[in-house]
């Protein structure tokens, strides 16, 4: 699906939703109709799922919630466990169908995975199976912190093992006290087989529209 992408990360809590929002704004700046998709959201607060709300705010077209977020689970835990606790079976076909409904409405869908690339989504399948089913090029979000080099390279290996294309990566500076940041970015640029789309600086109160200027989507369009 040209123009749509699957966003994964080196771990949970490293800014996949944040970077997905930056990507949405960057694509919109290229005069594209865009929407974010969070197939599985785990963890709600006051009846809302923050990741879904952020992606909706960064999209420039309104779509039905069931297309954008087919599965909304209450507990902020691994999705297969949260689904089991709620008596829900996560069916990847339902997500596939919702994605294709979105594709009828917009030029670009940014699909954000859940957790890392191998997080289980049911008793038989994990996030990599969802990525393979959607058959989208993959963007890797690397949370720049101690240990990220190994996590990034391992994630690259499994993405390539699935037969999917890793088309770009984003260095998200989540640790304001990170040591040798430039050296770590240089090491990853040398070792990851895809272009660096941007280095997103740490900001305590980020503005996604402003920070989207740090993302160069021309490298993947």
Protein backbone atom coordinates (compact mmCIF):
# COMPACT_ATOMS: atom_id res chain seq x y z
CA UNK A 1 0.00 0.00 0.00
CA UNK A 2 2.00 2.97 -1.30
CA UNK A 3 1.86 5.97 0.99
CA UNK A 4 0.99 4.08 4.18
CA UNK A 5 3.41 2.90 6.84
CA UNK A 6 3.66 0.66 9.90
CA UNK A 7 5.39 2.26 12.88
CA UNK A 8 7.14 0.02 15.37
CA UNK A 9 9.62 0.68 18.14
CA UNK A 10 12.57 -0.70 20.03
CA UNK A 11 10.40 -1.08 23.15
CA UNK A 12 7.28 0.21 24.81
CA UNK A 13 7.31 3.75 26.14
CA UNK A 14 9.79 5.10 23.61
CA UNK A 15 7.46 7.45 21.76
CA UNK A 16 5.79 5.51 18.95
CA UNK A 17 2.58 7.51 19.26
CA UNK A 18 4.49 10.77 19.49
CA UNK A 19 6.56 10.03 16.37
CA UNK A 20 3.48 8.72 14.55
CA UNK A 21 1.86 12.11 15.20
CA UNK A 22 4.96 13.86 13.86
CA UNK A 23 4.78 11.72 10.74
CA UNK A 24 1.11 12.57 10.26
CA UNK A 25 1.87 16.29 10.43
CA UNK A 26 4.84 15.87 8.09
CA UNK A 27 2.75 14.01 5.51
CA UNK A 28 -0.04 16.57 5.85
CA UNK A 29 2.52 19.28 5.10
CA UNK A 30 3.00 17.48 1.76
CA UNK A 31 -0.71 18.14 1.05
CA UNK A 32 -1.76 14.57 1.76
CA UNK A 33 -4.91 13.43 3.51
CA UNK A 34 -3.71 11.46 6.51
CA UNK A 35 -5.06 9.44 9.38
CA UNK A 36 -3.45 7.57 12.25
CA UNK A 37 -4.49 4.06 13.12
CA UNK A 38 -3.97 2.35 16.48
CA UNK A 39 -5.24 -1.18 15.82
CA UNK A 40 -4.86 -2.23 19.46
CA UNK A 41 -4.84 0.25 22.34
CA UNK A 42 -4.22 -1.05 25.85
CA UNK A 43 -4.78 1.26 28.78
CA UNK A 44 -7.52 3.84 29.25
CA UNK A 45 -7.96 6.80 31.54
CA UNK A 46 -11.32 8.36 32.28
CA UNK A 47 -12.89 6.41 29.46
CA UNK A 48 -10.39 7.57 26.84
CA UNK A 49 -7.35 6.01 25.20
CA UNK A 50 -4.69 8.73 25.02
CA UNK A 51 -2.78 7.24 22.09
CA UNK A 52 -5.94 7.12 20.00
CA UNK A 53 -6.88 10.68 20.93
CA UNK A 54 -3.42 11.97 19.99
CA UNK A 55 -3.48 10.21 16.63
CA UNK A 56 -6.97 11.52 15.93
CA UNK A 57 -5.86 15.07 16.72
CA UNK A 58 -2.89 14.74 14.34
CA UNK A 59 -5.05 13.39 11.49
CA UNK A 60 -6.65 15.77 9.03
CA UNK A 61 -9.75 13.74 8.23
CA UNK A 62 -12.46 12.27 10.47
CA UNK A 63 -13.10 8.53 10.31
CA UNK A 64 -15.21 6.13 12.37
CA UNK A 65 -13.51 5.15 15.63
CA UNK A 66 -13.94 1.44 14.90
CA UNK A 67 -11.75 1.83 11.81
CA UNK A 68 -9.08 3.83 13.58
CA UNK A 69 -9.06 1.69 16.72
CA UNK A 70 -10.67 -1.74 16.31
CA UNK A 71 -9.58 -2.95 19.76
CA UNK A 72 -9.61 -0.72 22.87
CA UNK A 73 -8.56 -2.65 25.97
CA UNK A 74 -8.79 -1.25 29.47
CA UNK A 75 -5.68 -2.49 31.27
CA UNK A 76 -2.25 -0.95 30.43
CA UNK A 77 -0.64 -4.37 30.04
CA UNK A 78 0.40 -6.70 27.22
CA UNK A 79 -2.54 -6.81 24.78
CA UNK A 80 -2.99 -10.58 24.71
CA UNK A 81 -3.27 -10.61 28.52
CA UNK A 82 -5.60 -7.59 28.62
CA UNK A 83 -7.79 -9.16 25.94
CA UNK A 84 -7.94 -12.47 27.80
CA UNK A 85 -8.97 -10.70 31.01
CA UNK A 86 -11.80 -8.97 29.12
CA UNK A 87 -12.90 -12.09 27.27
CA UNK A 88 -11.86 -10.61 23.93
CA UNK A 89 -10.19 -12.47 21.06
CA UNK A 90 -8.05 -10.14 18.94
CA UNK A 91 -8.71 -11.08 15.32
CA UNK A 92 -6.19 -9.67 12.86
CA UNK A 93 -8.70 -9.98 10.02
CA UNK A 94 -10.86 -7.36 11.73
CA UNK A 95 -7.87 -5.02 11.83
CA UNK A 96 -7.05 -5.76 8.19
CA UNK A 97 -10.59 -4.89 7.13
CA UNK A 98 -10.56 -1.66 9.15
CA UNK A 99 -7.27 -0.63 7.57
CA UNK A 100 -8.66 -1.08 4.08
CA UNK A 101 -11.70 0.99 4.97
CA UNK A 102 -9.30 3.75 6.00
CA UNK A 103 -7.37 3.41 2.75
CA UNK A 104 -10.55 4.19 0.82
CA UNK A 105 -10.79 7.54 2.62
CA UNK A 106 -7.22 8.89 2.77
CA UNK A 107 -3.93 8.92 0.91
CA UNK A 108 -1.77 7.96 3.86
CA UNK A 109 -2.45 5.76 6.89
CA UNK A 110 0.14 5.68 9.67
CA UNK A 111 -0.43 2.43 11.57
CA UNK A 112 1.10 2.36 15.04
CA UNK A 113 1.91 -1.03 16.45
CA UNK A 114 1.62 -1.96 20.11
CA UNK A 115 4.75 -2.36 22.23
CA UNK A 116 7.75 -3.84 20.44
CA UNK A 117 7.70 -5.79 17.17
CA UNK A 118 7.17 -9.22 18.76
CA UNK A 119 4.61 -8.40 21.44
CA UNK A 120 1.88 -11.11 21.42
CA UNK A 121 -1.59 -9.97 20.34
CA UNK A 122 -3.35 -13.30 20.91
CA UNK A 123 -2.38 -16.86 21.80
CA UNK A 124 -0.94 -17.56 18.33
CA UNK A 125 0.15 -14.28 16.77
CA UNK A 126 2.22 -11.21 17.57
CA UNK A 127 2.71 -7.69 16.21
CA UNK A 128 4.96 -8.95 13.43
CA UNK A 129 2.05 -11.04 12.10
CA UNK A 130 -0.09 -7.90 11.96
CA UNK A 131 2.64 -6.03 10.10
CA UNK A 132 2.98 -8.91 7.63
CA UNK A 133 -0.77 -9.06 7.07
CA UNK A 134 -0.95 -5.35 6.29
CA UNK A 135 2.21 -5.69 4.13
CA UNK A 136 3.31 -2.13 4.83
CA UNK A 137 6.80 -0.63 4.79
CA UNK A 138 8.06 -0.23 8.35
CA UNK A 139 9.39 2.83 10.18
CA UNK A 140 11.39 2.13 13.34
CA UNK A 141 11.28 4.49 16.31
CA UNK A 142 14.44 4.22 18.39
CA UNK A 143 14.16 5.60 21.90
CA UNK A 144 17.63 7.04 22.43
CA UNK A 145 18.71 5.64 25.77
CA UNK A 146 21.20 3.16 27.15
CA UNK A 147 20.79 -0.19 25.36
CA UNK A 148 19.04 1.22 22.31
CA UNK A 149 21.70 0.14 19.81
CA UNK A 150 21.23 -3.57 20.46
CA UNK A 151 17.43 -3.20 20.61
CA UNK A 152 17.39 -1.36 17.29
CA UNK A 153 19.63 -3.86 15.50
CA UNK A 154 17.68 -6.84 16.84
CA UNK A 155 14.43 -5.23 15.71
CA UNK A 156 15.89 -4.60 12.27
CA UNK A 157 16.84 -8.26 11.99
CA UNK A 158 13.37 -9.54 12.80
CA UNK A 159 11.69 -7.02 10.48
CA UNK A 160 13.92 -8.16 7.64
CA UNK A 161 13.33 -11.81 8.60
CA UNK A 162 9.59 -11.29 8.11
CA UNK A 163 10.23 -10.12 4.56
CA UNK A 164 9.04 -6.58 5.22
CA UNK A 165 10.93 -3.44 4.18
CA UNK A 166 12.44 -1.25 6.88
CA UNK A 167 12.32 2.07 5.02
CA UNK A 168 13.45 4.50 7.70
CA UNK A 169 14.14 5.13 11.36
CA UNK A 170 13.65 8.03 13.76
CA UNK A 171 15.92 8.84 16.69
CA UNK A 172 13.61 9.98 19.48
CA UNK A 173 15.60 11.63 22.27
CA UNK A 174 13.59 10.51 25.27
CA UNK A 175 16.36 10.81 27.89
CA UNK A 176 17.50 14.41 28.52
CA UNK A 177 20.52 13.08 30.38
CA UNK A 178 21.62 10.58 27.73
CA UNK A 179 25.38 10.23 27.39
CA UNK A 180 27.20 10.13 24.03
CA UNK A 181 23.97 10.76 22.14
CA UNK A 182 25.68 11.84 18.92
CA UNK A 183 27.95 8.79 19.00
CA UNK A 184 24.99 6.43 19.47
CA UNK A 185 23.12 8.03 16.56
CA UNK A 186 26.24 7.72 14.41
CA UNK A 187 26.59 4.04 15.32
CA UNK A 188 22.99 3.39 14.32
CA UNK A 189 23.31 5.35 11.07
CA UNK A 190 26.23 3.12 10.18
CA UNK A 191 24.46 -0.13 11.05
CA UNK A 192 20.79 0.32 10.14
CA UNK A 193 20.03 -0.44 6.49
CA UNK A 194 17.67 2.50 5.99
CA UNK A 195 17.78 6.30 6.11
CA UNK A 196 17.52 8.34 9.27
CA UNK A 197 14.30 10.34 8.87
CA UNK A 198 15.02 12.68 11.74
CA UNK A 199 16.41 13.29 15.21
CA UNK A 200 13.64 14.51 17.51
CA UNK A 201 15.03 16.51 20.45
CA UNK A 202 13.81 16.09 24.00
CA UNK A 203 11.23 18.75 24.86
CA UNK A 204 9.42 18.75 28.21
CA UNK A 205 6.22 20.13 26.67
CA UNK A 206 6.37 19.13 23.00
CA UNK A 207 4.35 20.73 20.24
CA UNK A 208 3.89 18.06 17.58
CA UNK A 209 3.25 20.43 14.70
CA UNK A 210 6.49 22.34 15.39
CA UNK A 211 8.56 19.23 16.04
CA UNK A 212 7.27 17.57 12.85
CA UNK A 213 9.76 19.81 11.05
CA UNK A 214 12.51 17.53 12.34
CA UNK A 215 11.08 14.64 10.23
CA UNK A 216 12.03 14.41 6.54
CA UNK A 217 9.38 12.24 4.88
CA UNK A 218 10.74 13.07 1.41
CA UNK A 219 13.14 10.17 1.93
CA UNK A 220 10.27 7.66 1.89
CA UNK A 221 7.72 9.24 -0.46
